[in-house]
Amino acid sequence: MRYLTAGESHGPQLTAIIEGLPAGMPLVAEDINAELSRRQKGYGRGRRMQIEKDQVQIKSGVRHGYTLGSPVSLTVENKDWKHWTKIMGIEPLAGGEAEEVKRQITRPRPGHADLNGGIKYGHRDMRNVLERSSARETTVRVAAGAVAKKLLRLLDIHVASHVVEIGGIRSEKGSFDTITELQERSENSPVRCLDKEAETKMMKAIDDAKANGDSIGGIVEVIVEGMPAGIGSYVHYDKKLDAKIAAAIVSINAFKGVEFGIGFEAAEKFGSEVHDEIAWEKEKGYYRKTNRLGGFEGGMTNGMPIVVRGVMKPIPTLYKPLESVDVDTKETFTASIERSDSCAVPAAAVVAEAAVAWELASAIVSQFYSDRMDALVASVKEFKQYAKEF
């Protein structure tokens, strides 16, 4: 199972093409729109979220509400395109128009792909870079992830997320009884935080950063319940499922780190304080007495909840911009300002859910017979029973 995205931030639309979905999987636009709406929420978002009301159009691969087994294409229109048709138009410019292209960018912004991408592709107008490197692309990554989440739910596998930290303020009361409770509490918080006291402090920190023309980052946590043990592989480095998830997390715009379970804290502890003892009961089969490794051992799931955290740096587009160098004149200037958020950590949690869900769904489709959804459901159910009795 794989997908490819296309589209620019201020182009006419964003597109994702998904290949490898089982035939017979129920799928409607609302399955995806619900996730797109979640991505646009969160305290600290900028004006772009007020302009775009993201709605998906399923263009192929689905008939009467069920996948066909052929590629599924998804499109999301950019409503703001009408204001950018001359700047981002597809057709060649005539005559002197070419010299009057508006909003050219020759002053790369620190922390962005602008300068490196310009050097790589030879673009002296770095709008050619930033339009694609923009986090707007995560719209259709979330759309693809929404499809993956639907597949996982049909297999009784559930994905949720919450915000652990924003701007150095950490959630200290993050306990929950069920993953459904986690998702509900996260959805009801403007910053997707389970700790109400920390939530208030986080919102103030976002307000303070915005007032100062600055931005702040944070940490999000994705939790998955219901994954069977033995998904992934210990045989080759590129088959390890935790490695694939780690790559997916750091591929999200502005994410700079990832950890599973207790993560980097393991470096400070003895082995007896890190590894999870194994137990067995007739009703639940094998389980771990603790979950400090976050649901993974040897590159494979172990049947415990998957716990993965990602670190998001502060968004580099600042309203008090840092210094840069004009690529044409080589003079020092303050970097150009593009419309941006002061904090996108709550929204990034939704993107992280999508990234994790995609890797899990892809691994399951790869490991089990998956041409038909009914056969996949039966295969996973049978495997879970086998693992319990092993």
Protein backbone atom coordinates (compact mmCIF):
# COMPACT_ATOMS: atom_id res chain seq x y z
CA MET A 1 0.00 0.00 0.00
CA ARG A 2 1.40 3.38 -0.95
CA TYR A 3 0.34 6.92 -1.74
CA LEU A 4 1.65 9.92 -3.61
CA THR A 5 0.68 13.55 -3.08
CA ALA A 6 0.84 16.52 -5.44
CA GLY A 7 0.00 20.19 -5.25
CA GLU A 8 1.30 23.56 -4.09
CA SER A 9 0.20 25.59 -1.08
CA HIS A 10 -1.47 28.29 -3.22
CA GLY A 11 -2.15 26.14 -6.27
CA PRO A 12 -5.63 25.10 -7.38
CA GLN A 13 -5.78 21.86 -5.39
CA LEU A 14 -3.96 19.17 -3.45
CA THR A 15 -4.13 15.56 -4.61
CA ALA A 16 -3.38 12.14 -3.13
CA ILE A 17 -3.44 8.85 -5.02
CA ILE A 18 -3.64 5.71 -2.89
CA GLU A 19 -2.78 2.28 -4.25
CA GLY A 20 -3.20 -1.08 -2.56
CA LEU A 21 -6.41 -0.68 -0.55
CA PRO A 22 -8.46 -3.86 -0.25
CA ALA A 23 -11.59 -4.07 -2.37
CA GLY A 24 -14.87 -3.90 -0.50
CA MET A 25 -13.74 -1.45 2.20
CA PRO A 26 -16.51 1.03 3.08
CA LEU A 27 -15.31 4.59 2.42
CA VAL A 28 -17.20 7.88 2.10
CA ALA A 29 -16.03 11.49 1.99
CA GLU A 30 -17.16 12.15 5.56
CA ASP A 31 -14.64 9.58 6.84
CA ILE A 32 -11.96 11.89 5.50
CA ASN A 33 -13.60 15.29 6.06
CA ALA A 34 -13.86 14.63 9.78
CA GLU A 35 -10.07 14.29 9.97
CA LEU A 36 -9.47 17.31 7.72
CA SER A 37 -11.61 19.39 10.07
CA ARG A 38 -9.61 18.21 13.08
CA ARG A 39 -6.38 19.24 11.35
CA GLN A 40 -7.63 22.81 10.94
CA LYS A 41 -8.45 23.28 14.61
CA GLY A 42 -6.21 24.14 17.52
CA TYR A 43 -5.26 27.23 19.46
CA GLY A 44 -2.59 29.27 17.69
CA ARG A 45 -3.61 28.64 14.09
CA GLY A 46 -3.33 31.50 11.56
CA ARG A 47 -5.75 33.16 9.13
CA ARG A 48 -5.30 30.47 6.46
CA MET A 49 -7.51 28.16 8.50
CA GLN A 50 -10.31 30.73 8.31
CA ILE A 51 -10.03 30.87 4.51
CA GLU A 52 -9.80 27.15 3.77
CA LYS A 53 -12.65 24.86 4.78
CA ASP A 54 -11.05 21.65 3.61
CA GLN A 55 -13.39 19.13 1.99
CA VAL A 56 -12.27 16.08 0.06
CA GLN A 57 -13.55 14.86 -3.28
CA ILE A 58 -13.11 11.16 -3.98
CA LYS A 59 -12.43 11.00 -7.70
CA SER A 60 -11.75 7.31 -8.34
CA GLY A 61 -11.45 3.87 -6.82
CA VAL A 62 -14.75 3.96 -4.92
CA ARG A 63 -18.19 2.93 -6.15
CA HIS A 64 -21.39 3.24 -4.13
CA GLY A 65 -19.43 3.68 -0.91
CA TYR A 66 -16.99 0.77 -1.29
CA THR A 67 -13.43 0.60 -2.60
CA LEU A 68 -12.88 -1.26 -5.85
CA GLY A 69 -9.27 -2.38 -5.33
CA SER A 70 -8.10 0.12 -7.95
CA PRO A 71 -6.26 3.37 -7.05
CA VAL A 72 -8.25 5.85 -4.98
CA SER A 73 -7.68 9.50 -5.86
CA LEU A 74 -8.50 12.28 -3.40
CA THR A 75 -8.53 16.01 -4.09
CA VAL A 76 -8.87 19.02 -1.81
CA GLU A 77 -9.44 22.40 -3.43
CA ASN A 78 -7.53 25.47 -2.22
CA LYS A 79 -10.20 28.15 -1.83
CA ASP A 80 -7.52 30.85 -1.72
CA TRP A 81 -6.44 29.93 -5.27
CA LYS A 82 -8.66 32.65 -6.75
CA HIS A 83 -6.33 35.27 -5.27
CA TRP A 84 -3.20 33.56 -6.60
CA THR A 85 -4.07 32.72 -10.20
CA LYS A 86 -1.59 35.23 -11.68
CA ILE A 87 1.13 34.43 -9.18
CA MET A 88 0.80 30.63 -9.32
CA GLY A 89 -0.84 30.11 -12.73
CA ILE A 90 -0.01 27.07 -14.83
CA GLU A 91 0.10 28.70 -18.27
CA PRO A 92 3.25 30.51 -19.56
CA LEU A 93 3.37 34.26 -19.08
CA ALA A 94 3.29 36.43 -22.19
CA GLY A 95 5.78 39.15 -23.07
CA GLY A 96 6.64 41.56 -20.29
CA GLU A 97 4.46 39.70 -17.80
CA ALA A 98 7.33 37.35 -17.09
CA GLU A 99 9.30 40.23 -15.60
CA GLU A 100 6.39 41.36 -13.46
CA VAL A 101 5.77 38.19 -11.49
CA LYS A 102 4.52 39.34 -8.11
CA ARG A 103 5.66 38.16 -4.71
CA GLN A 104 8.96 36.71 -5.83
CA ILE A 105 11.13 35.54 -2.96
CA THR A 106 14.88 36.02 -3.12
CA ARG A 107 15.35 36.26 0.64
CA PRO A 108 15.31 32.71 2.05
CA ARG A 109 13.80 32.24 5.51
CA PRO A 110 15.96 30.59 8.19
CA GLY A 111 14.59 27.20 9.21
CA HIS A 112 12.74 26.64 5.92
CA ALA A 113 13.57 24.66 2.79
CA ASP A 114 13.90 27.91 0.77
CA LEU A 115 17.66 28.23 0.29
CA ASN A 116 18.53 24.53 0.18
CA GLY A 117 15.71 23.82 -2.27
CA GLY A 118 16.70 26.79 -4.41
CA ILE A 119 20.26 25.50 -4.61
CA LYS A 120 19.08 21.95 -5.38
CA TYR A 121 16.68 22.84 -8.21
CA GLY A 122 18.19 26.10 -9.42
CA HIS A 123 15.21 28.26 -8.38
CA ARG A 124 16.23 31.86 -7.81
CA ASP A 125 12.62 32.70 -7.01
CA MET A 126 12.22 30.56 -3.93
CA ARG A 127 8.44 30.65 -4.10
CA ASN A 128 9.00 27.63 -6.35
CA VAL A 129 10.34 25.86 -3.25
CA LEU A 130 8.16 27.09 -0.41
CA GLU A 131 4.89 26.42 -2.22
CA ARG A 132 5.59 22.70 -2.08
CA SER A 133 7.60 22.51 1.13
CA SER A 134 4.76 24.27 2.97
CA ALA A 135 2.92 22.32 5.67
CA ARG A 136 -0.22 22.81 3.56
CA GLU A 137 0.79 19.50 1.94
CA THR A 138 -0.11 17.73 5.18
CA THR A 139 -3.77 18.29 4.24
CA VAL A 140 -3.74 15.34 1.87
CA ARG A 141 -1.39 13.37 4.10
CA VAL A 142 -4.14 13.59 6.69
CA ALA A 143 -6.64 12.56 4.00
CA ALA A 144 -4.58 9.47 3.21
CA GLY A 145 -4.18 8.82 6.93
CA ALA A 146 -7.94 9.08 7.38
CA VAL A 147 -8.37 6.25 4.90
CA ALA A 148 -5.78 4.23 6.83
CA LYS A 149 -7.58 4.95 10.11
CA LYS A 150 -10.85 3.72 8.59
CA LEU A 151 -9.16 0.46 7.56
CA LEU A 152 -7.69 0.05 11.05
CA ARG A 153 -11.04 0.68 12.77
CA LEU A 154 -12.57 -2.12 10.70
CA LEU A 155 -9.86 -4.33 12.21
CA ASP A 156 -10.66 -3.06 15.74
CA ILE A 157 -7.46 -1.00 15.89
CA HIS A 158 -7.87 2.54 17.21
CA VAL A 159 -5.61 5.59 16.97
CA ALA A 160 -5.69 8.71 19.16
CA SER A 161 -3.38 11.55 20.15
CA HIS A 162 -2.86 14.35 22.62
CA VAL A 163 -0.39 17.16 23.27
CA VAL A 164 2.20 16.50 25.95
CA GLU A 165 4.08 19.79 25.89
CA ILE A 166 3.93 23.28 24.36
CA GLY A 167 6.60 25.93 24.87
CA GLY A 168 8.14 24.10 27.84
CA ILE A 169 4.81 23.68 29.63
CA ARG A 170 4.22 19.99 30.20
CA SER A 171 1.01 18.10 30.84
CA GLU A 172 1.31 16.38 34.23
CA LYS A 173 -2.17 14.84 34.39
CA GLY A 174 -2.35 12.79 31.23
CA SER A 175 -3.90 9.57 32.54
CA PHE A 176 -7.01 8.07 30.91
CA ASP A 177 -9.00 4.85 31.17
CA THR A 178 -9.83 4.12 27.52
CA ILE A 179 -8.60 5.32 24.17
CA THR A 180 -12.12 6.62 23.48
CA GLU A 181 -11.89 8.79 26.60
CA LEU A 182 -8.46 10.00 25.50
CA GLN A 183 -9.79 11.07 22.11
CA GLU A 184 -12.85 12.81 23.55
CA ARG A 185 -10.85 14.77 26.12
CA SER A 186 -8.23 15.69 23.54
CA GLU A 187 -10.90 16.88 21.09
CA ASN A 188 -12.52 19.05 23.75
CA SER A 189 -9.29 20.92 24.51
CA PRO A 190 -8.22 23.90 22.35
CA VAL A 191 -4.63 22.63 22.60
CA ARG A 192 -5.50 18.88 22.69
CA CYS A 193 -4.16 18.63 26.24
CA LEU A 194 -5.58 16.30 28.92
CA ASP A 195 -4.34 18.49 31.78
CA LYS A 196 -6.69 21.48 32.24
CA GLU A 197 -4.19 23.43 34.32
CA ALA A 198 -1.46 22.95 31.73
CA GLU A 199 -3.98 23.78 28.97
CA THR A 200 -4.51 27.28 30.37
CA LYS A 201 -0.78 27.87 30.66
CA MET A 202 -0.17 26.59 27.12
CA MET A 203 -2.76 28.97 25.68
CA LYS A 204 -1.16 31.89 27.49
CA ALA A 205 2.26 30.86 26.19
CA ILE A 206 0.87 30.82 22.63
CA ASP A 207 -0.68 34.26 23.12
CA ASP A 208 2.58 35.64 24.50
CA ALA A 209 4.58 34.23 21.58
CA LYS A 210 2.14 35.72 19.08
CA ALA A 211 2.26 39.13 20.81
CA ASN A 212 6.05 39.02 20.55
CA GLY A 213 5.96 38.05 16.85
CA ASP A 214 7.43 34.69 17.75
CA SER A 215 6.42 31.02 17.64
CA ILE A 216 6.64 28.00 19.94
CA GLY A 217 6.79 24.23 19.45
CA GLY A 218 6.05 21.19 21.56
CA ILE A 219 5.58 17.43 21.85
CA VAL A 220 2.66 15.29 20.68
CA GLU A 221 1.89 11.70 21.63
CA VAL A 222 0.09 9.12 19.48
CA ILE A 223 -1.38 6.02 21.11
CA VAL A 224 -2.70 2.97 19.25
CA GLU A 225 -4.65 0.08 20.76
CA GLY A 226 -5.59 -3.22 19.16
CA MET A 227 -2.51 -3.90 17.01
CA PRO A 228 -1.76 -7.64 16.98
CA ALA A 229 1.69 -8.83 18.04
CA GLY A 230 4.27 -9.72 15.39
CA ILE A 231 3.57 -6.97 12.85
CA GLY A 232 6.81 -5.74 11.29
CA SER A 233 10.02 -7.74 11.17
CA TYR A 234 13.35 -8.25 12.93
CA VAL A 235 14.94 -9.70 9.79
CA HIS A 236 15.97 -6.56 7.85
CA TYR A 237 16.52 -2.97 8.94
CA ASP A 238 14.03 -1.61 6.42
CA LYS A 239 11.29 -4.00 7.58
CA LYS A 240 11.32 -2.85 11.21
CA LEU A 241 7.94 -1.22 11.82
CA ASP A 242 9.09 1.12 14.59
CA ALA A 243 11.79 2.40 12.22
CA LYS A 244 9.16 3.10 9.56
CA ILE A 245 7.01 4.97 12.07
CA ALA A 246 10.02 6.97 13.25
CA ALA A 247 10.75 7.97 9.65
CA ALA A 248 7.10 8.91 9.11
CA ILE A 249 7.05 11.13 12.20
CA VAL A 250 10.19 13.08 11.34
CA SER A 251 8.96 13.48 7.76
CA ILE A 252 6.18 15.76 9.08
CA ASN A 253 7.03 19.42 8.58
CA ALA A 254 8.96 20.88 11.56
CA PHE A 255 9.28 17.56 13.42
CA LYS A 256 12.83 17.01 14.66
CA GLY A 257 12.69 14.01 16.99
CA VAL A 258 10.78 10.84 17.88
CA GLU A 259 10.69 8.34 20.75
CA PHE A 260 8.74 5.22 21.76
CA GLY A 261 7.55 4.40 25.25
CA ILE A 262 9.86 6.01 27.80
CA GLY A 263 12.16 6.91 24.90
CA PHE A 264 15.28 8.89 25.76
CA GLU A 265 14.55 8.43 29.45
CA ALA A 266 15.81 4.86 29.03
CA ALA A 267 19.36 6.20 28.87
CA GLU A 268 19.13 7.17 32.56
CA LYS A 269 17.77 3.85 33.83
CA PHE A 270 18.94 0.30 34.54
CA GLY A 271 17.79 -2.50 32.26
CA SER A 272 15.52 -3.80 35.01
CA GLU A 273 13.72 -0.45 34.91
CA VAL A 274 13.31 -0.40 31.12
CA HIS A 275 12.29 -3.83 29.82
CA ASP A 276 8.72 -5.12 30.16
CA GLU A 277 8.12 -8.46 31.91
CA ILE A 278 5.99 -10.97 29.99
CA ALA A 279 2.85 -12.57 31.41
CA TRP A 280 0.02 -14.74 30.04
CA GLU A 281 -3.66 -15.17 30.84
CA LYS A 282 -6.14 -17.39 29.07
CA GLU A 283 -8.51 -14.53 28.22
CA LYS A 284 -5.96 -12.00 26.97
CA GLY A 285 -3.02 -14.22 25.96
CA TYR A 286 0.49 -12.78 26.24
CA TYR A 287 0.94 -9.28 27.59
CA ARG A 288 3.57 -7.12 29.24
CA LYS A 289 3.28 -6.08 32.89
CA THR A 290 4.47 -2.60 31.90
CA ASN A 291 4.70 -0.79 28.57
CA ARG A 292 7.95 1.13 28.86
CA LEU A 293 9.04 0.10 25.36
CA GLY A 294 5.90 1.56 23.83
CA GLY A 295 4.52 -1.55 22.16
CA PHE A 296 7.63 -2.55 20.18
CA GLU A 297 10.34 -5.17 20.61
CA GLY A 298 12.77 -6.21 17.87
CA GLY A 299 11.17 -3.97 15.26
CA MET A 300 7.79 -5.68 15.74
CA THR A 301 4.61 -4.94 17.63
CA ASN A 302 4.25 -6.91 20.87
CA GLY A 303 0.49 -6.52 21.31
CA MET A 304 0.71 -3.73 23.87
CA PRO A 305 -0.52 -0.20 23.06
CA ILE A 306 1.82 1.65 20.73
CA VAL A 307 3.07 4.87 22.31
CA VAL A 308 5.06 7.23 20.08
CA ARG A 309 5.97 10.87 20.64
CA GLY A 310 7.17 13.48 18.17
CA VAL A 311 8.96 16.76 18.83
CA MET A 312 7.88 19.75 16.76
CA LYS A 313 10.17 22.76 16.56
CA PRO A 314 8.70 26.29 16.60
CA ILE A 315 7.43 27.29 13.17
CA PRO A 316 10.25 29.24 11.49
CA THR A 317 8.07 31.88 9.80
CA LEU A 318 8.20 34.74 12.29
CA TYR A 319 6.54 38.13 12.38
CA LYS A 320 9.78 39.50 13.78
CA PRO A 321 11.86 37.78 11.10
CA LEU A 322 15.46 36.65 11.49
CA GLU A 323 18.26 37.88 9.28
CA SER A 324 18.93 36.29 5.92
CA VAL A 325 20.86 37.00 2.73
CA ASP A 326 19.30 38.07 -0.56
CA VAL A 327 20.40 35.50 -3.14
CA ASP A 328 20.53 38.14 -5.89
CA THR A 329 22.34 41.01 -4.15
CA LYS A 330 24.01 38.99 -1.33
CA GLU A 331 22.97 41.79 1.03
CA THR A 332 21.70 41.08 4.53
CA PHE A 333 17.97 41.53 5.03
CA THR A 334 15.31 40.34 7.44
CA ALA A 335 13.62 37.31 5.91
CA SER A 336 10.32 37.68 4.07
CA ILE A 337 7.10 37.04 6.00
CA GLU A 338 4.51 34.54 4.81
CA ARG A 339 1.14 34.00 6.50
CA SER A 340 1.73 31.57 9.36
CA ASP A 341 0.70 30.16 12.74
CA SER A 342 2.22 31.08 16.09
CA CYS A 343 1.79 27.46 17.20
CA ALA A 344 0.63 24.44 15.20
CA VAL A 345 1.35 21.71 17.76
CA PRO A 346 -2.34 20.79 18.37
CA ALA A 347 -2.91 20.42 14.62
CA ALA A 348 0.38 18.54 14.25
CA ALA A 349 -0.97 15.88 16.62
CA VAL A 350 -3.63 15.07 14.00
CA VAL A 351 -0.96 14.86 11.29
CA ALA A 352 1.09 12.54 13.51
CA GLU A 353 -1.97 10.30 13.94
CA ALA A 354 -2.28 10.09 10.17
CA ALA A 355 1.41 9.30 9.70
CA VAL A 356 1.35 6.50 12.30
CA ALA A 357 -1.97 5.10 11.06
CA TRP A 358 -0.68 4.90 7.51
CA GLU A 359 2.42 2.90 8.49
CA LEU A 360 0.39 0.49 10.61
CA ALA A 361 -2.24 -0.07 7.92
CA SER A 362 0.44 -0.49 5.28
CA ALA A 363 2.25 -3.08 7.41
CA ILE A 364 -0.93 -5.07 7.96
CA VAL A 365 -1.90 -5.00 4.29
CA SER A 366 1.61 -6.18 3.46
CA GLN A 367 1.61 -9.03 5.98
CA PHE A 368 -1.86 -10.48 5.40
CA TYR A 369 -3.94 -11.41 2.36
CA SER A 370 -5.60 -8.12 1.54
CA ASP A 371 -7.18 -8.10 -1.90
CA ARG A 372 -10.59 -8.26 -0.19
CA MET A 373 -11.56 -6.41 2.98
CA ASP A 374 -13.65 -9.30 4.32
CA ALA A 375 -10.72 -11.68 3.88
CA LEU A 376 -8.36 -9.23 5.60
CA VAL A 377 -10.71 -8.90 8.59
CA ALA A 378 -10.93 -12.68 8.88
CA SER A 379 -7.14 -13.12 8.53
CA VAL A 380 -6.30 -10.58 11.24
CA LYS A 381 -8.93 -12.01 13.58
CA GLU A 382 -7.56 -15.51 13.07
CA PHE A 383 -3.99 -14.31 13.64
CA LYS A 384 -4.92 -12.56 16.89
CA GLN A 385 -6.45 -15.80 18.17
CA TYR A 386 -3.37 -17.78 17.11
CA ALA A 387 -1.08 -15.32 18.92
CA LYS A 388 -3.18 -15.56 22.07
CA GLU A 389 -2.93 -19.38 22.15
CA PHE A 390 0.71 -19.63 20.95
